[in-house]
Structures are given as C-alpha cells and as structure tokens.
Amino acid sequence: MPERPLREVTTVDLRGELPFPDPVAVLSLRDCQIYRAVDDDGQPILVLTDGVTTVALECGLKGLSPEVVAAAGRLAEGVDDFSRSVRVAATAHRG
C-alpha cells in the first residue's frame, strides 16, 4: 500500500470528507501520559491517557506481523511530524 502524505487540517475540516472516520475521543496532550505494557501473550501494548480518556494500541488478533511493524513505524513518524508542527506553532505563537 503506498504511503499517504500527512496533511494538516483544521477542526472545521474534520467535519468534511476525509480518509478516516470522525474522532470519537480526544486526548489532551497537556495531561497525556504514555505507558508501555504487554498483553497476556507477551505482545507490546502502548497506552495513552490524559486521566479522562485512555487508548490502548495493540497488535490485534493476528499478533505481531510485518504489517504491525510497518504501522508502528508510521505512527512514530506521524507523531514526530506532529511534534515538529506543534513546536513551530508554539514558537510562532510566542513570536
């Protein structure tokens, strides 16, 4: 599957037609904590929580696979890109 470029949208855009469903939960980055855990089969889990909402990222029923490894890499790249855009926006905001 070809990689799709990340693109930034506004909250107004989230009501439009995008290649993903509308978000059903929001995590506050201000209070976000990240934990690594393992499931009953010893497979890694990533837990994100802001104290109100908690999300667990798991390998799924098929377990560890090349697709899961690739997805974890996409997630890491997306978070890194997001971190850079937050840093730029924060610098411009203090401006």
PDB file of N, CA and C in Angstrom:
ATOM      1  N   MET A   1       0.847  -1.171   0.000  1.00  0.00           N
ATOM      2  CA  MET A   1       0.000   0.000   0.000  1.00  0.00           C
ATOM      3  C   MET A   1       0.893   1.233   0.000  1.00  0.00           C
ATOM      4  N   PRO A   2       0.671   2.195  -0.897  1.00  0.00           N
ATOM      5  CA  PRO A   2       1.520   3.391  -0.941  1.00  0.00           C
ATOM      6  C   PRO A   2       1.284   4.250   0.285  1.00  0.00           C
ATOM      7  N   GLU A   3       2.364   4.888   0.730  1.00  0.00           N
ATOM      8  CA  GLU A   3       2.234   5.754   1.892  1.00  0.00           C
ATOM      9  C   GLU A   3       1.526   7.033   1.489  1.00  0.00           C
ATOM     10  N   ARG A   4       0.608   7.466   2.361  1.00  0.00           N
ATOM     11  CA  ARG A   4      -0.107   8.713   2.113  1.00  0.00           C
ATOM     12  C   ARG A   4       0.619   9.828   2.856  1.00  0.00           C
ATOM     13  N   PRO A   5       0.789  10.964   2.226  1.00  0.00           N
ATOM     14  CA  PRO A   5       1.449  12.074   2.922  1.00  0.00           C
ATOM     15  C   PRO A   5       0.555  12.591   4.042  1.00  0.00           C
ATOM     16  N   LEU A   6       1.188  13.023   5.118  1.00  0.00           N
ATOM     17  CA  LEU A   6       0.435  13.646   6.196  1.00  0.00           C
ATOM     18  C   LEU A   6       0.003  15.023   5.736  1.00  0.00           C
ATOM     19  N   ARG A   7      -1.209  15.405   6.089  1.00  0.00           N
ATOM     20  CA  ARG A   7      -1.623  16.751   5.751  1.00  0.00           C
ATOM     21  C   ARG A   7      -2.348  17.328   6.943  1.00  0.00           C
ATOM     22  N   GLU A   8      -2.163  18.604   7.132  1.00  0.00           N
ATOM     23  CA  GLU A   8      -2.780  19.261   8.267  1.00  0.00           C
ATOM     24  C   GLU A   8      -4.140  19.801   7.869  1.00  0.00           C
ATOM     25  N   VAL A   9      -5.085  19.654   8.762  1.00  0.00           N
ATOM     26  CA  VAL A   9      -6.435  20.154   8.547  1.00  0.00           C
ATOM     27  C   VAL A   9      -6.868  20.876   9.816  1.00  0.00           C
ATOM     28  N   THR A  10      -7.901  21.684   9.691  1.00  0.00           N
ATOM     29  CA  THR A  10      -8.439  22.360  10.864  1.00  0.00           C
ATOM     30  C   THR A  10      -9.584  21.536  11.429  1.00  0.00           C
ATOM     31  N   THR A  11     -10.060  21.909  12.619  1.00  0.00           N
ATOM     32  CA  THR A  11     -11.179  21.179  13.211  1.00  0.00           C
ATOM     33  C   THR A  11     -12.419  21.293  12.341  1.00  0.00           C
ATOM     34  N   VAL A  12     -12.546  22.374  11.591  1.00  0.00           N
ATOM     35  CA  VAL A  12     -13.669  22.511  10.670  1.00  0.00           C
ATOM     36  C   VAL A  12     -13.563  21.444   9.583  1.00  0.00           C
ATOM     37  N   ASP A  13     -12.338  21.196   9.103  1.00  0.00           N
ATOM     38  CA  ASP A  13     -12.125  20.181   8.076  1.00  0.00           C
ATOM     39  C   ASP A  13     -12.521  18.787   8.550  1.00  0.00           C
ATOM     40  N   LEU A  14     -12.425  18.548   9.865  1.00  0.00           N
ATOM     41  CA  LEU A  14     -12.755  17.225  10.383  1.00  0.00           C
ATOM     42  C   LEU A  14     -14.216  16.867  10.131  1.00  0.00           C
ATOM     43  N   ARG A  15     -15.056  17.857   9.873  1.00  0.00           N
ATOM     44  CA  ARG A  15     -16.457  17.595   9.583  1.00  0.00           C
ATOM     45  C   ARG A  15     -16.675  17.275   8.104  1.00  0.00           C
ATOM     46  N   GLY A  16     -15.633  17.417   7.309  1.00  0.00           N
ATOM     47  CA  GLY A  16     -15.737  17.155   5.872  1.00  0.00           C
ATOM     48  C   GLY A  16     -15.446  15.700   5.565  1.00  0.00           C
ATOM     49  N   GLU A  17     -15.224  15.440   4.315  1.00  0.00           N
ATOM     50  CA  GLU A  17     -14.925  14.078   3.899  1.00  0.00           C
ATOM     51  C   GLU A  17     -13.420  13.873   3.890  1.00  0.00           C
ATOM     52  N   LEU A  18     -12.948  13.113   4.851  1.00  0.00           N
ATOM     53  CA  LEU A  18     -11.532  12.800   4.962  1.00  0.00           C
ATOM     54  C   LEU A  18     -11.370  11.284   4.915  1.00  0.00           C
ATOM     55  N   PRO A  19     -10.146  10.806   4.724  1.00  0.00           N
ATOM     56  CA  PRO A  19      -9.936   9.357   4.584  1.00  0.00           C
ATOM     57  C   PRO A  19      -9.975   8.591   5.905  1.00  0.00           C
ATOM     58  N   PHE A  20     -10.639   9.133   6.908  1.00  0.00           N
ATOM     59  CA  PHE A  20     -10.774   8.446   8.197  1.00  0.00           C
ATOM     60  C   PHE A  20     -12.102   8.841   8.838  1.00  0.00           C
ATOM     61  N   PRO A  21     -12.618   8.014   9.748  1.00  0.00           N
ATOM     62  CA  PRO A  21     -13.876   8.349  10.427  1.00  0.00           C
ATOM     63  C   PRO A  21     -13.688   9.528  11.378  1.00  0.00           C
ATOM     64  N   ASP A  22     -14.786  10.176  11.749  1.00  0.00           N
ATOM     65  CA  ASP A  22     -14.724  11.256  12.724  1.00  0.00           C
ATOM     66  C   ASP A  22     -14.149  10.737  14.040  1.00  0.00           C
ATOM     67  N   PRO A  23     -13.306  11.514  14.706  1.00  0.00           N
ATOM     68  CA  PRO A  23     -12.772  11.091  16.001  1.00  0.00           C
ATOM     69  C   PRO A  23     -13.896  10.872  17.016  1.00  0.00           C
ATOM     70  N   VAL A  24     -13.735   9.847  17.842  1.00  0.00           N
ATOM     71  CA  VAL A  24     -14.725   9.563  18.884  1.00  0.00           C
ATOM     72  C   VAL A  24     -14.181   9.879  20.273  1.00  0.00           C
ATOM     73  N   ALA A  25     -12.902  10.203  20.348  1.00  0.00           N
ATOM     74  CA  ALA A  25     -12.286  10.546  21.630  1.00  0.00           C
ATOM     75  C   ALA A  25     -11.181  11.559  21.382  1.00  0.00           C
ATOM     76  N   VAL A  26     -10.900  12.339  22.398  1.00  0.00           N
ATOM     77  CA  VAL A  26      -9.833  13.341  22.329  1.00  0.00           C
ATOM     78  C   VAL A  26      -8.948  13.173  23.556  1.00  0.00           C
ATOM     79  N   LEU A  27      -7.646  13.185  23.337  1.00  0.00           N
ATOM     80  CA  LEU A  27      -6.691  13.157  24.438  1.00  0.00           C
ATOM     81  C   LEU A  27      -6.046  14.526  24.545  1.00  0.00           C
ATOM     82  N   SER A  28      -6.004  15.072  25.746  1.00  0.00           N
ATOM     83  CA  SER A  28      -5.328  16.344  25.971  1.00  0.00           C
ATOM     84  C   SER A  28      -3.831  16.092  26.073  1.00  0.00           C
ATOM     85  N   LEU A  29      -3.067  16.670  25.164  1.00  0.00           N
ATOM     86  CA  LEU A  29      -1.617  16.492  25.223  1.00  0.00           C
ATOM     87  C   LEU A  29      -1.030  17.103  26.488  1.00  0.00           C
ATOM     88  N   ARG A  30      -1.665  18.140  26.985  1.00  0.00           N
ATOM     89  CA  ARG A  30      -1.168  18.815  28.183  1.00  0.00           C
ATOM     90  C   ARG A  30      -1.045  17.825  29.345  1.00  0.00           C
ATOM     91  N   ASP A  31      -1.983  16.873  29.429  1.00  0.00           N
ATOM     92  CA  ASP A  31      -2.006  15.925  30.541  1.00  0.00           C
ATOM     93  C   ASP A  31      -1.711  14.492  30.111  1.00  0.00           C
ATOM     94  N   CYS A  32      -1.262  14.302  28.877  1.00  0.00           N
ATOM     95  CA  CYS A  32      -1.099  12.953  28.334  1.00  0.00           C
ATOM     96  C   CYS A  32       0.099  12.225  28.964  1.00  0.00           C
ATOM     97  N   GLN A  33      -0.160  11.012  29.379  1.00  0.00           N
ATOM     98  CA  GLN A  33       0.882  10.121  29.883  1.00  0.00           C
ATOM     99  C   GLN A  33       0.927   8.908  28.957  1.00  0.00           C
ATOM    100  N   ILE A  34       2.106   8.351  28.777  1.00  0.00           N
ATOM    101  CA  ILE A  34       2.284   7.219  27.879  1.00  0.00           C
ATOM    102  C   ILE A  34       2.944   6.085  28.654  1.00  0.00           C
ATOM    103  N   TYR A  35       2.364   4.900  28.516  1.00  0.00           N
ATOM    104  CA  TYR A  35       2.871   3.722  29.208  1.00  0.00           C
ATOM    105  C   TYR A  35       3.064   2.596  28.206  1.00  0.00           C
ATOM    106  N   ARG A  36       4.109   1.812  28.406  1.00  0.00           N
ATOM    107  CA  ARG A  36       4.286   0.592  27.630  1.00  0.00           C
ATOM    108  C   ARG A  36       3.909  -0.572  28.522  1.00  0.00           C
ATOM    109  N   ALA A  37       3.211  -1.527  27.947  1.00  0.00           N
ATOM    110  CA  ALA A  37       2.779  -2.708  28.688  1.00  0.00           C
ATOM    111  C   ALA A  37       2.872  -3.899  27.752  1.00  0.00           C
ATOM    112  N   VAL A  38       2.496  -5.062  28.248  1.00  0.00           N
ATOM    113  CA  VAL A  38       2.409  -6.264  27.420  1.00  0.00           C
ATOM    114  C   VAL A  38       1.077  -6.930  27.683  1.00  0.00           C
ATOM    115  N   ASP A  39       0.557  -7.617  26.663  1.00  0.00           N
ATOM    116  CA  ASP A  39      -0.702  -8.329  26.840  1.00  0.00           C
ATOM    117  C   ASP A  39      -0.433  -9.732  27.387  1.00  0.00           C
ATOM    118  N   ASP A  40      -1.482 -10.533  27.495  1.00  0.00           N
ATOM    119  CA  ASP A  40      -1.355 -11.883  28.045  1.00  0.00           C
ATOM    120  C   ASP A  40      -0.441 -12.787  27.224  1.00  0.00           C
ATOM    121  N   ASP A  41      -0.263 -12.446  25.942  1.00  0.00           N
ATOM    122  CA  ASP A  41       0.616 -13.226  25.069  1.00  0.00           C
ATOM    123  C   ASP A  41       2.032 -12.660  25.021  1.00  0.00           C
ATOM    124  N   GLY A  42       2.309 -11.643  25.826  1.00  0.00           N
ATOM    125  CA  GLY A  42       3.630 -11.034  25.856  1.00  0.00           C
ATOM    126  C   GLY A  42       3.887 -10.056  24.727  1.00  0.00           C
ATOM    127  N   GLN A  43       2.828  -9.669  24.000  1.00  0.00           N
ATOM    128  CA  GLN A  43       2.992  -8.723  22.899  1.00  0.00           C
ATOM    129  C   GLN A  43       2.878  -7.287  23.419  1.00  0.00           C
ATOM    130  N   PRO A  44       3.632  -6.364  22.832  1.00  0.00           N
ATOM    131  CA  PRO A  44       3.656  -4.991  23.332  1.00  0.00           C
ATOM    132  C   PRO A  44       2.327  -4.259  23.140  1.00  0.00           C
ATOM    133  N   ILE A  45       2.037  -3.398  24.103  1.00  0.00           N
ATOM    134  CA  ILE A  45       0.874  -2.507  24.073  1.00  0.00           C
ATOM    135  C   ILE A  45       1.381  -1.111  24.405  1.00  0.00           C
ATOM    136  N   LEU A  46       0.840  -0.108  23.740  1.00  0.00           N
ATOM    137  CA  LEU A  46       1.135   1.288  24.063  1.00  0.00           C
ATOM    138  C   LEU A  46      -0.151   1.893  24.599  1.00  0.00           C
ATOM    139  N   VAL A  47      -0.095   2.429  25.814  1.00  0.00           N
ATOM    140  CA  VAL A  47      -1.268   3.013  26.460  1.00  0.00           C
ATOM    141  C   VAL A  47      -1.072   4.514  26.554  1.00  0.00           C
ATOM    142  N   LEU A  48      -2.058   5.270  26.069  1.00  0.00           N
ATOM    143  CA  LEU A  48      -2.042   6.732  26.149  1.00  0.00           C
ATOM    144  C   LEU A  48      -3.235   7.147  26.995  1.00  0.00           C
ATOM    145  N   THR A  49      -3.013   8.031  27.964  1.00  0.00           N
ATOM    146  CA  THR A  49      -4.115   8.502  28.785  1.00  0.00           C
ATOM    147  C   THR A  49      -3.889   9.949  29.192  1.00  0.00           C
ATOM    148  N   ASP A  50      -4.988  10.692  29.290  1.00  0.00           N
ATOM    149  CA  ASP A  50      -4.913  12.052  29.821  1.00  0.00           C
ATOM    150  C   ASP A  50      -5.625  12.118  31.176  1.00  0.00           C
ATOM    151  N   GLY A  51      -5.927  10.964  31.753  1.00  0.00           N
ATOM    152  CA  GLY A  51      -6.608  10.908  33.033  1.00  0.00           C
ATOM    153  C   GLY A  51      -8.121  10.836  32.901  1.00  0.00           C
ATOM    154  N   VAL A  52      -8.629  11.122  31.714  1.00  0.00           N
ATOM    155  CA  VAL A  52     -10.066  11.047  31.438  1.00  0.00           C
ATOM    156  C   VAL A  52     -10.322   9.974  30.390  1.00  0.00           C
ATOM    157  N   THR A  53      -9.552  10.029  29.325  1.00  0.00           N
ATOM    158  CA  THR A  53      -9.686   9.089  28.213  1.00  0.00           C
ATOM    159  C   THR A  53      -8.413   8.261  28.124  1.00  0.00           C
ATOM    160  N   THR A  54      -8.569   6.972  27.879  1.00  0.00           N
ATOM    161  CA  THR A  54      -7.424   6.083  27.717  1.00  0.00           C
ATOM    162  C   THR A  54      -7.574   5.309  26.418  1.00  0.00           C
ATOM    163  N   VAL A  55      -6.479   5.218  25.680  1.00  0.00           N
ATOM    164  CA  VAL A  55      -6.442   4.478  24.424  1.00  0.00           C
ATOM    165  C   VAL A  55      -5.293   3.481  24.516  1.00  0.00           C
ATOM    166  N   ALA A  56      -5.559   2.237  24.117  1.00  0.00           N
ATOM    167  CA  ALA A  56      -4.516   1.210  24.073  1.00  0.00           C
ATOM    168  C   ALA A  56      -4.279   0.826  22.625  1.00  0.00           C
ATOM    169  N   LEU A  57      -3.036   0.874  22.206  1.00  0.00           N
ATOM    170  CA  LEU A  57      -2.657   0.445  20.862  1.00  0.00           C
ATOM    171  C   LEU A  57      -2.075  -0.959  20.982  1.00  0.00           C
ATOM    172  N   GLU A  58      -2.747  -1.918  20.347  1.00  0.00           N
ATOM    173  CA  GLU A  58      -2.346  -3.314  20.447  1.00  0.00           C
ATOM    174  C   GLU A  58      -2.059  -3.888  19.068  1.00  0.00           C
ATOM    175  N   CYS A  59      -1.443  -5.061  19.033  1.00  0.00           N
ATOM    176  CA  CYS A  59      -1.086  -5.713  17.770  1.00  0.00           C
ATOM    177  C   CYS A  59      -2.291  -6.339  17.078  1.00  0.00           C
ATOM    178  N   GLY A  60      -3.369  -6.601  17.795  1.00  0.00           N
ATOM    179  CA  GLY A  60      -4.559  -7.198  17.200  1.00  0.00           C
ATOM    180  C   GLY A  60      -4.542  -8.712  17.280  1.00  0.00           C
ATOM    181  N   LEU A  61      -5.610  -9.312  16.799  1.00  0.00           N
ATOM    182  CA  LEU A  61      -5.775 -10.760  16.906  1.00  0.00           C
ATOM    183  C   LEU A  61      -4.726 -11.552  16.144  1.00  0.00           C
ATOM    184  N   LYS A  62      -4.238 -10.997  15.049  1.00  0.00           N
ATOM    185  CA  LYS A  62      -3.231 -11.715  14.253  1.00  0.00           C
ATOM    186  C   LYS A  62      -1.850 -11.637  14.889  1.00  0.00           C
ATOM    187  N   GLY A  63      -1.681 -10.793  15.906  1.00  0.00           N
ATOM    188  CA  GLY A  63      -0.402 -10.687  16.589  1.00  0.00           C
ATOM    189  C   GLY A  63       0.627  -9.904  15.802  1.00  0.00           C
ATOM    190  N   LEU A  64       1.870 -10.091  16.191  1.00  0.00           N
ATOM    191  CA  LEU A  64       2.973  -9.387  15.545  1.00  0.00           C
ATOM    192  C   LEU A  64       3.103  -9.842  14.102  1.00  0.00           C
ATOM    193  N   SER A  65       3.285  -8.885  13.215  1.00  0.00           N
ATOM    194  CA  SER A  65       3.404  -9.179  11.792  1.00  0.00           C
ATOM    195  C   SER A  65       4.151  -8.033  11.137  1.00  0.00           C
ATOM    196  N   PRO A  66       4.593  -8.222   9.908  1.00  0.00           N
ATOM    197  CA  PRO A  66       5.234  -7.114   9.195  1.00  0.00           C
ATOM    198  C   PRO A  66       4.311  -5.894   9.083  1.00  0.00           C
ATOM    199  N   GLU A  67       3.001  -6.135   8.958  1.00  0.00           N
ATOM    200  CA  GLU A  67       2.055  -5.018   8.859  1.00  0.00           C
ATOM    201  C   GLU A  67       2.010  -4.220  10.157  1.00  0.00           C
ATOM    202  N   VAL A  68       2.079  -4.914  11.293  1.00  0.00           N
ATOM    203  CA  VAL A  68       2.076  -4.232  12.593  1.00  0.00           C
ATOM    204  C   VAL A  68       3.369  -3.432  12.764  1.00  0.00           C
ATOM    205  N   VAL A  69       4.487  -4.013  12.358  1.00  0.00           N
ATOM    206  CA  VAL A  69       5.772  -3.301  12.439  1.00  0.00           C
ATOM    207  C   VAL A  69       5.715  -2.042  11.578  1.00  0.00           C
ATOM    208  N   ALA A  70       5.188  -2.166  10.360  1.00  0.00           N
ATOM    209  CA  ALA A  70       5.080  -1.005   9.468  1.00  0.00           C
ATOM    210  C   ALA A  70       4.133   0.044  10.060  1.00  0.00           C
ATOM    211  N   ALA A  71       3.020  -0.390  10.627  1.00  0.00           N
ATOM    212  CA  ALA A  71       2.067   0.547  11.222  1.00  0.00           C
ATOM    213  C   ALA A  71       2.689   1.288  12.405  1.00  0.00           C
ATOM    214  N   ALA A  72       3.466   0.585  13.227  1.00  0.00           N
ATOM    215  CA  ALA A  72       4.144   1.232  14.356  1.00  0.00           C
ATOM    216  C   ALA A  72       5.135   2.280  13.848  1.00  0.00           C
ATOM    217  N   GLY A  73       5.806   1.981  12.757  1.00  0.00           N
ATOM    218  CA  GLY A  73       6.723   2.950  12.154  1.00  0.00           C
ATOM    219  C   GLY A  73       5.987   4.177  11.642  1.00  0.00           C
ATOM    220  N   ARG A  74       4.826   3.960  10.980  1.00  0.00           N
ATOM    221  CA  ARG A  74       4.029   5.099  10.501  1.00  0.00           C
ATOM    222  C   ARG A  74       3.561   5.943  11.668  1.00  0.00           C
ATOM    223  N   LEU A  75       3.153   5.290  12.750  1.00  0.00           N
ATOM    224  CA  LEU A  75       2.712   6.013  13.936  1.00  0.00           C
ATOM    225  C   LEU A  75       3.849   6.874  14.493  1.00  0.00           C
ATOM    226  N   ALA A  76       5.030   6.287  14.616  1.00  0.00           N
ATOM    227  CA  ALA A  76       6.179   7.032  15.130  1.00  0.00           C
ATOM    228  C   ALA A  76       6.518   8.229  14.239  1.00  0.00           C
ATOM    229  N   GLU A  77       6.501   8.021  12.933  1.00  0.00           N
ATOM    230  CA  GLU A  77       6.778   9.119  12.003  1.00  0.00           C
ATOM    231  C   GLU A  77       5.711  10.209  12.100  1.00  0.00           C
ATOM    232  N   GLY A  78       4.454   9.810  12.218  1.00  0.00           N
ATOM    233  CA  GLY A  78       3.364  10.780  12.340  1.00  0.00           C
ATOM    234  C   GLY A  78       3.461  11.591  13.618  1.00  0.00           C
ATOM    235  N   VAL A  79       3.804  10.930  14.724  1.00  0.00           N
ATOM    236  CA  VAL A  79       3.950  11.639  15.994  1.00  0.00           C
ATOM    237  C   VAL A  79       5.145  12.586  15.939  1.00  0.00           C
ATOM    238  N   ASP A  80       6.237  12.154  15.318  1.00  0.00           N
ATOM    239  CA  ASP A  80       7.405  13.022  15.173  1.00  0.00           C
ATOM    240  C   ASP A  80       7.064  14.251  14.340  1.00  0.00           C
ATOM    241  N   ASP A  81       6.350  14.056  13.241  1.00  0.00           N
ATOM    242  CA  ASP A  81       5.936  15.172  12.398  1.00  0.00           C
ATOM    243  C   ASP A  81       5.010  16.119  13.175  1.00  0.00           C
ATOM    244  N   PHE A  82       4.077  15.540  13.927  1.00  0.00           N
ATOM    245  CA  PHE A  82       3.163  16.345  14.727  1.00  0.00           C
ATOM    246  C   PHE A  82       3.936  17.159  15.767  1.00  0.00           C
ATOM    247  N   SER A  83       4.908  16.536  16.418  1.00  0.00           N
ATOM    248  CA  SER A  83       5.724  17.225  17.412  1.00  0.00           C
ATOM    249  C   SER A  83       6.431  18.434  16.809  1.00  0.00           C
ATOM    250  N   ARG A  84       6.965  18.256  15.601  1.00  0.00           N
ATOM    251  CA  ARG A  84       7.632  19.378  14.943  1.00  0.00           C
ATOM    252  C   ARG A  84       6.644  20.495  14.622  1.00  0.00           C
ATOM    253  N   SER A  85       5.421  20.145  14.170  1.00  0.00           N
ATOM    254  CA  SER A  85       4.449  21.190  13.836  1.00  0.00           C
ATOM    255  C   SER A  85       3.966  21.915  15.093  1.00  0.00           C
ATOM    256  N   VAL A  86       3.856  21.198  16.220  1.00  0.00           N
ATOM    257  CA  VAL A  86       3.482  21.846  17.485  1.00  0.00           C
ATOM    258  C   VAL A  86       4.582  22.807  17.917  1.00  0.00           C
ATOM    259  N   ARG A  87       5.832  22.376  17.777  1.00  0.00           N
ATOM    260  CA  ARG A  87       6.971  23.237  18.151  1.00  0.00           C
ATOM    261  C   ARG A  87       6.988  24.509  17.308  1.00  0.00           C
ATOM    262  N   VAL A  88       6.766  24.377  16.002  1.00  0.00           N
ATOM    263  CA  VAL A  88       6.733  25.549  15.116  1.00  0.00           C
ATOM    264  C   VAL A  88       5.574  26.461  15.492  1.00  0.00           C
ATOM    265  N   ALA A  89       4.392  25.892  15.721  1.00  0.00           N
ATOM    266  CA  ALA A  89       3.227  26.709  16.085  1.00  0.00           C
ATOM    267  C   ALA A  89       3.439  27.407  17.424  1.00  0.00           C
ATOM    268  N   ALA A  90       4.049  26.729  18.384  1.00  0.00           N
ATOM    269  CA  ALA A  90       4.302  27.336  19.694  1.00  0.00           C
ATOM    270  C   ALA A  90       5.308  28.476  19.583  1.00  0.00           C
ATOM    271  N   THR A  91       6.315  28.308  18.751  1.00  0.00           N
ATOM    272  CA  THR A  91       7.304  29.365  18.542  1.00  0.00           C
ATOM    273  C   THR A  91       6.655  30.577  17.883  1.00  0.00           C
ATOM    274  N   ALA A  92       5.818  30.331  16.887  1.00  0.00           N
ATOM    275  CA  ALA A  92       5.132  31.425  16.199  1.00  0.00           C
ATOM    276  C   ALA A  92       4.152  32.128  17.147  1.00  0.00           C
ATOM    277  N   HIS A  93       3.523  31.366  18.010  1.00  0.00           N
ATOM    278  CA  HIS A  93       2.547  31.929  18.965  1.00  0.00           C
ATOM    279  C   HIS A  93       3.230  32.850  19.964  1.00  0.00           C
ATOM    280  N   ARG A  94       4.424  32.481  20.421  1.00  0.00           N
ATOM    281  CA  ARG A  94       5.173  33.330  21.365  1.00  0.00           C
ATOM    282  C   ARG A  94       5.743  34.558  20.696  1.00  0.00           C
ATOM    283  N   GLY A  95       5.931  34.417  19.382  1.00  0.00           N
ATOM    284  CA  GLY A  95       6.503  35.334  18.480  1.00  0.00           C
ATOM    285  C   GLY A  95       6.802  36.679  18.771  1.00  0.00           C
TER     286      GLY A  95
END
